[in-house]
Structure formats: C-alpha cells, structure tokens
Amino acid sequence: MLVNESIDAFVDNYFIANNQFIPHYKWKYYFFQKLKKPNKKTKEAIFEAYKINSYSKNNLLKRIKIIKKEIINDSLKEDFFPAHFQNIVKVKEFVKNLKSGIKYDDPFKEDKKEKIR
C-alpha cells in the first residue's frame, strides 16, 4: 500500500511539473498518459511499478527498485538521501539567542502617536 501511495505522489508531482491541476483519482492515470513530462520510458516504469504480480518479498523489492531507479534517479534526478548542510555559525547564533531568552513587546501597550481620542 505504501509503495502505491508513493507512486501516486510521484504522479501528482508530474502534474505539478506540467503546470496542470491534479485530476480526480478516477481520471488521474488517463490524463497522466497525456502529459508531456515525463518521457514514455518513465510512464511505462510507473505503470509497471503499480503491478502486483504476487505478494512476495521479491515482487515488493522489484517495485521499490523501479521507483528508485526509473523514477527518482532517472526521471527526477534526485539523490535518495541528499546531504543537508547547515550554516553552523547561524545555528550557534540561534541557540545563543534561545538561551538568552526571547523577549516580546506588550501587544496591548498603547502607542502615543496612534492614540485616538
């Protein structure tokens, strides 16, 4: 079920990449075949990944492999686990500010310039 939901999310992503609204589930795969992006090979891979030939571990791994190779690596060209780099100086400044406390102004304080009589 999670594999199918992930494929469905990729299909939604392709609609967004084509500046299209995501159609109702009933019509989604009909209109997906008519999109300009992705290419024919990726579309075939997506439909192949949807097929459940058996409920075996091998079939599940085959479907996951299709998602990783054909969709993520080839079509979307993304890393599985991209590195996430932080600016450590900014992080340290943020932590220092948190430790010193956050001070807010009184939202009910009347401003002398804006006082209406």
C-alpha atoms as a PDB file:
ATOM      1  CA  MET A   1       0.000   0.000   0.000  1.00  0.00           C
ATOM      2  CA  LEU A   2       2.816   2.445   0.829  1.00  0.00           C
ATOM      3  CA  VAL A   3       4.510   1.728  -2.485  1.00  0.00           C
ATOM      4  CA  ASN A   4       1.284   2.565  -4.323  1.00  0.00           C
ATOM      5  CA  GLU A   5       0.864   5.761  -2.312  1.00  0.00           C
ATOM      6  CA  SER A   6       4.421   6.826  -3.116  1.00  0.00           C
ATOM      7  CA  ILE A   7       3.840   6.215  -6.827  1.00  0.00           C
ATOM      8  CA  ASP A   8       0.635   8.228  -6.600  1.00  0.00           C
ATOM      9  CA  ALA A   9       2.620  11.091  -5.046  1.00  0.00           C
ATOM     10  CA  PHE A  10       5.120  10.943  -7.933  1.00  0.00           C
ATOM     11  CA  VAL A  11       2.254  11.097 -10.422  1.00  0.00           C
ATOM     12  CA  ASP A  12       0.908  14.175  -8.611  1.00  0.00           C
ATOM     13  CA  ASN A  13       4.389  15.679  -8.834  1.00  0.00           C
ATOM     14  CA  TYR A  14       4.401  15.245 -12.618  1.00  0.00           C
ATOM     15  CA  PHE A  15       1.070  17.068 -12.904  1.00  0.00           C
ATOM     16  CA  ILE A  16       2.522  19.960 -10.930  1.00  0.00           C
ATOM     17  CA  ALA A  17       5.702  19.932 -13.056  1.00  0.00           C
ATOM     18  CA  ASN A  18       3.481  20.277 -16.149  1.00  0.00           C
ATOM     19  CA  ASN A  19       1.544  23.184 -14.580  1.00  0.00           C
ATOM     20  CA  GLN A  20      -1.616  21.088 -14.517  1.00  0.00           C
ATOM     21  CA  PHE A  21      -4.241  20.599 -11.870  1.00  0.00           C
ATOM     22  CA  ILE A  22      -4.240  17.166 -10.285  1.00  0.00           C
ATOM     23  CA  PRO A  23      -7.390  15.485 -11.573  1.00  0.00           C
ATOM     24  CA  HIS A  24      -9.777  13.334  -9.578  1.00  0.00           C
ATOM     25  CA  TYR A  25      -8.369   9.894  -8.825  1.00  0.00           C
ATOM     26  CA  LYS A  26     -10.786   8.311 -11.292  1.00  0.00           C
ATOM     27  CA  TRP A  27      -9.233  10.241 -14.179  1.00  0.00           C
ATOM     28  CA  LYS A  28      -5.682  10.713 -12.936  1.00  0.00           C
ATOM     29  CA  TYR A  29      -3.985   7.927 -14.887  1.00  0.00           C
ATOM     30  CA  TYR A  30      -5.897   8.626 -18.078  1.00  0.00           C
ATOM     31  CA  PHE A  31      -4.660  12.234 -18.069  1.00  0.00           C
ATOM     32  CA  PHE A  32      -1.218  11.179 -16.817  1.00  0.00           C
ATOM     33  CA  GLN A  33      -0.645   9.283 -20.068  1.00  0.00           C
ATOM     34  CA  LYS A  34      -1.256  12.513 -21.987  1.00  0.00           C
ATOM     35  CA  LEU A  35       1.281  14.651 -20.077  1.00  0.00           C
ATOM     36  CA  LYS A  36       4.370  15.931 -21.913  1.00  0.00           C
ATOM     37  CA  LYS A  37       6.629  15.167 -18.953  1.00  0.00           C
ATOM     38  CA  PRO A  38       7.773  12.508 -18.028  1.00  0.00           C
ATOM     39  CA  ASN A  39       9.016  10.572 -21.021  1.00  0.00           C
ATOM     40  CA  LYS A  40       7.415   7.357 -22.272  1.00  0.00           C
ATOM     41  CA  LYS A  41      10.006   5.157 -20.515  1.00  0.00           C
ATOM     42  CA  THR A  42       9.214   6.688 -17.120  1.00  0.00           C
ATOM     43  CA  LYS A  43       5.463   6.400 -17.687  1.00  0.00           C
ATOM     44  CA  GLU A  44       5.867   2.705 -18.501  1.00  0.00           C
ATOM     45  CA  ALA A  45       8.024   2.234 -15.394  1.00  0.00           C
ATOM     46  CA  ILE A  46       5.359   3.855 -13.220  1.00  0.00           C
ATOM     47  CA  PHE A  47       2.655   1.558 -14.564  1.00  0.00           C
ATOM     48  CA  GLU A  48       4.995  -1.421 -14.149  1.00  0.00           C
ATOM     49  CA  ALA A  49       5.615  -0.441 -10.531  1.00  0.00           C
ATOM     50  CA  TYR A  50       1.864  -0.432  -9.913  1.00  0.00           C
ATOM     51  CA  LYS A  51       1.521  -4.056 -10.973  1.00  0.00           C
ATOM     52  CA  ILE A  52       1.306  -6.513  -8.120  1.00  0.00           C
ATOM     53  CA  ASN A  53       2.067  -9.923  -9.605  1.00  0.00           C
ATOM     54  CA  SER A  54       2.318 -11.581  -6.224  1.00  0.00           C
ATOM     55  CA  TYR A  55       2.509 -10.597  -2.590  1.00  0.00           C
ATOM     56  CA  SER A  56       6.041 -11.897  -2.251  1.00  0.00           C
ATOM     57  CA  LYS A  57       9.069 -10.101  -0.908  1.00  0.00           C
ATOM     58  CA  ASN A  58      10.766 -10.329  -4.313  1.00  0.00           C
ATOM     59  CA  ASN A  59       7.873  -8.609  -6.067  1.00  0.00           C
ATOM     60  CA  LEU A  60       7.860  -5.837  -3.466  1.00  0.00           C
ATOM     61  CA  LEU A  61      11.619  -5.316  -3.854  1.00  0.00           C
ATOM     62  CA  LYS A  62      11.221  -5.250  -7.652  1.00  0.00           C
ATOM     63  CA  ARG A  63       8.606  -2.495  -7.375  1.00  0.00           C
ATOM     64  CA  ILE A  64      10.788  -0.479  -4.969  1.00  0.00           C
ATOM     65  CA  LYS A  65      13.770  -0.872  -7.318  1.00  0.00           C
ATOM     66  CA  ILE A  66      11.694   0.534 -10.191  1.00  0.00           C
ATOM     67  CA  ILE A  67      10.763   3.540  -8.078  1.00  0.00           C
ATOM     68  CA  LYS A  68      14.352   4.195  -7.034  1.00  0.00           C
ATOM     69  CA  LYS A  69      15.976   3.726 -10.429  1.00  0.00           C
ATOM     70  CA  GLU A  70      13.466   4.780 -13.054  1.00  0.00           C
ATOM     71  CA  ILE A  71      11.580   7.491 -11.211  1.00  0.00           C
ATOM     72  CA  ILE A  72      13.897   9.030  -8.621  1.00  0.00           C
ATOM     73  CA  ASN A  73      17.311   8.634 -10.252  1.00  0.00           C
ATOM     74  CA  ASP A  74      16.494   8.821 -13.961  1.00  0.00           C
ATOM     75  CA  SER A  75      13.403  10.993 -14.194  1.00  0.00           C
ATOM     76  CA  LEU A  76      13.630  13.285 -11.175  1.00  0.00           C
ATOM     77  CA  LYS A  77      17.439  13.040 -10.954  1.00  0.00           C
ATOM     78  CA  GLU A  78      17.448  13.227  -7.165  1.00  0.00           C
ATOM     79  CA  ASP A  79      19.627  11.521  -4.590  1.00  0.00           C
ATOM     80  CA  PHE A  80      17.903   9.105  -2.263  1.00  0.00           C
ATOM     81  CA  PHE A  81      19.298  10.824   0.793  1.00  0.00           C
ATOM     82  CA  PRO A  82      20.695  14.185  -0.219  1.00  0.00           C
ATOM     83  CA  ALA A  83      23.136  15.793   2.174  1.00  0.00           C
ATOM     84  CA  HIS A  84      21.705  18.549   4.293  1.00  0.00           C
ATOM     85  CA  PHE A  85      24.254  21.180   5.197  1.00  0.00           C
ATOM     86  CA  GLN A  86      23.729  23.728   7.946  1.00  0.00           C
ATOM     87  CA  ASN A  87      25.483  27.028   8.412  1.00  0.00           C
ATOM     88  CA  ILE A  88      26.909  26.181  11.825  1.00  0.00           C
ATOM     89  CA  VAL A  89      27.565  29.849  12.678  1.00  0.00           C
ATOM     90  CA  LYS A  90      23.878  30.682  12.190  1.00  0.00           C
ATOM     91  CA  VAL A  91      22.857  27.641  14.226  1.00  0.00           C
ATOM     92  CA  LYS A  92      25.128  28.678  17.104  1.00  0.00           C
ATOM     93  CA  GLU A  93      23.743  32.231  16.994  1.00  0.00           C
ATOM     94  CA  PHE A  94      20.203  30.875  17.075  1.00  0.00           C
ATOM     95  CA  VAL A  95      20.943  28.619  20.058  1.00  0.00           C
ATOM     96  CA  LYS A  96      22.631  31.528  21.869  1.00  0.00           C
ATOM     97  CA  ASN A  97      19.534  33.689  21.305  1.00  0.00           C
ATOM     98  CA  LEU A  98      17.284  30.923  22.599  1.00  0.00           C
ATOM     99  CA  LYS A  99      19.365  30.516  25.735  1.00  0.00           C
ATOM    100  CA  SER A 100      19.307  34.232  26.469  1.00  0.00           C
ATOM    101  CA  GLY A 101      15.539  34.208  26.243  1.00  0.00           C
ATOM    102  CA  ILE A 102      13.048  35.566  23.812  1.00  0.00           C
ATOM    103  CA  LYS A 103      11.588  38.920  24.724  1.00  0.00           C
ATOM    104  CA  TYR A 104       8.342  40.162  23.255  1.00  0.00           C
ATOM    105  CA  ASP A 105       6.782  43.588  23.482  1.00  0.00           C
ATOM    106  CA  ASP A 106       3.436  44.020  25.166  1.00  0.00           C
ATOM    107  CA  PRO A 107       0.837  43.775  22.380  1.00  0.00           C
ATOM    108  CA  PHE A 108      -1.644  45.834  24.423  1.00  0.00           C
ATOM    109  CA  LYS A 109       0.751  48.706  25.064  1.00  0.00           C
ATOM    110  CA  GLU A 110      -0.681  51.921  23.665  1.00  0.00           C
ATOM    111  CA  ASP A 111       1.439  53.829  21.239  1.00  0.00           C
ATOM    112  CA  LYS A 112       1.367  57.563  21.998  1.00  0.00           C
ATOM    113  CA  LYS A 113       1.370  58.528  18.322  1.00  0.00           C
ATOM    114  CA  GLU A 114      -1.559  56.331  17.410  1.00  0.00           C
ATOM    115  CA  LYS A 115      -3.703  57.106  20.442  1.00  0.00           C
ATOM    116  CA  ILE A 116      -7.190  58.065  19.303  1.00  0.00           C
ATOM    117  CA  ARG A 117      -9.401  60.239  21.490  1.00  0.00           C
END
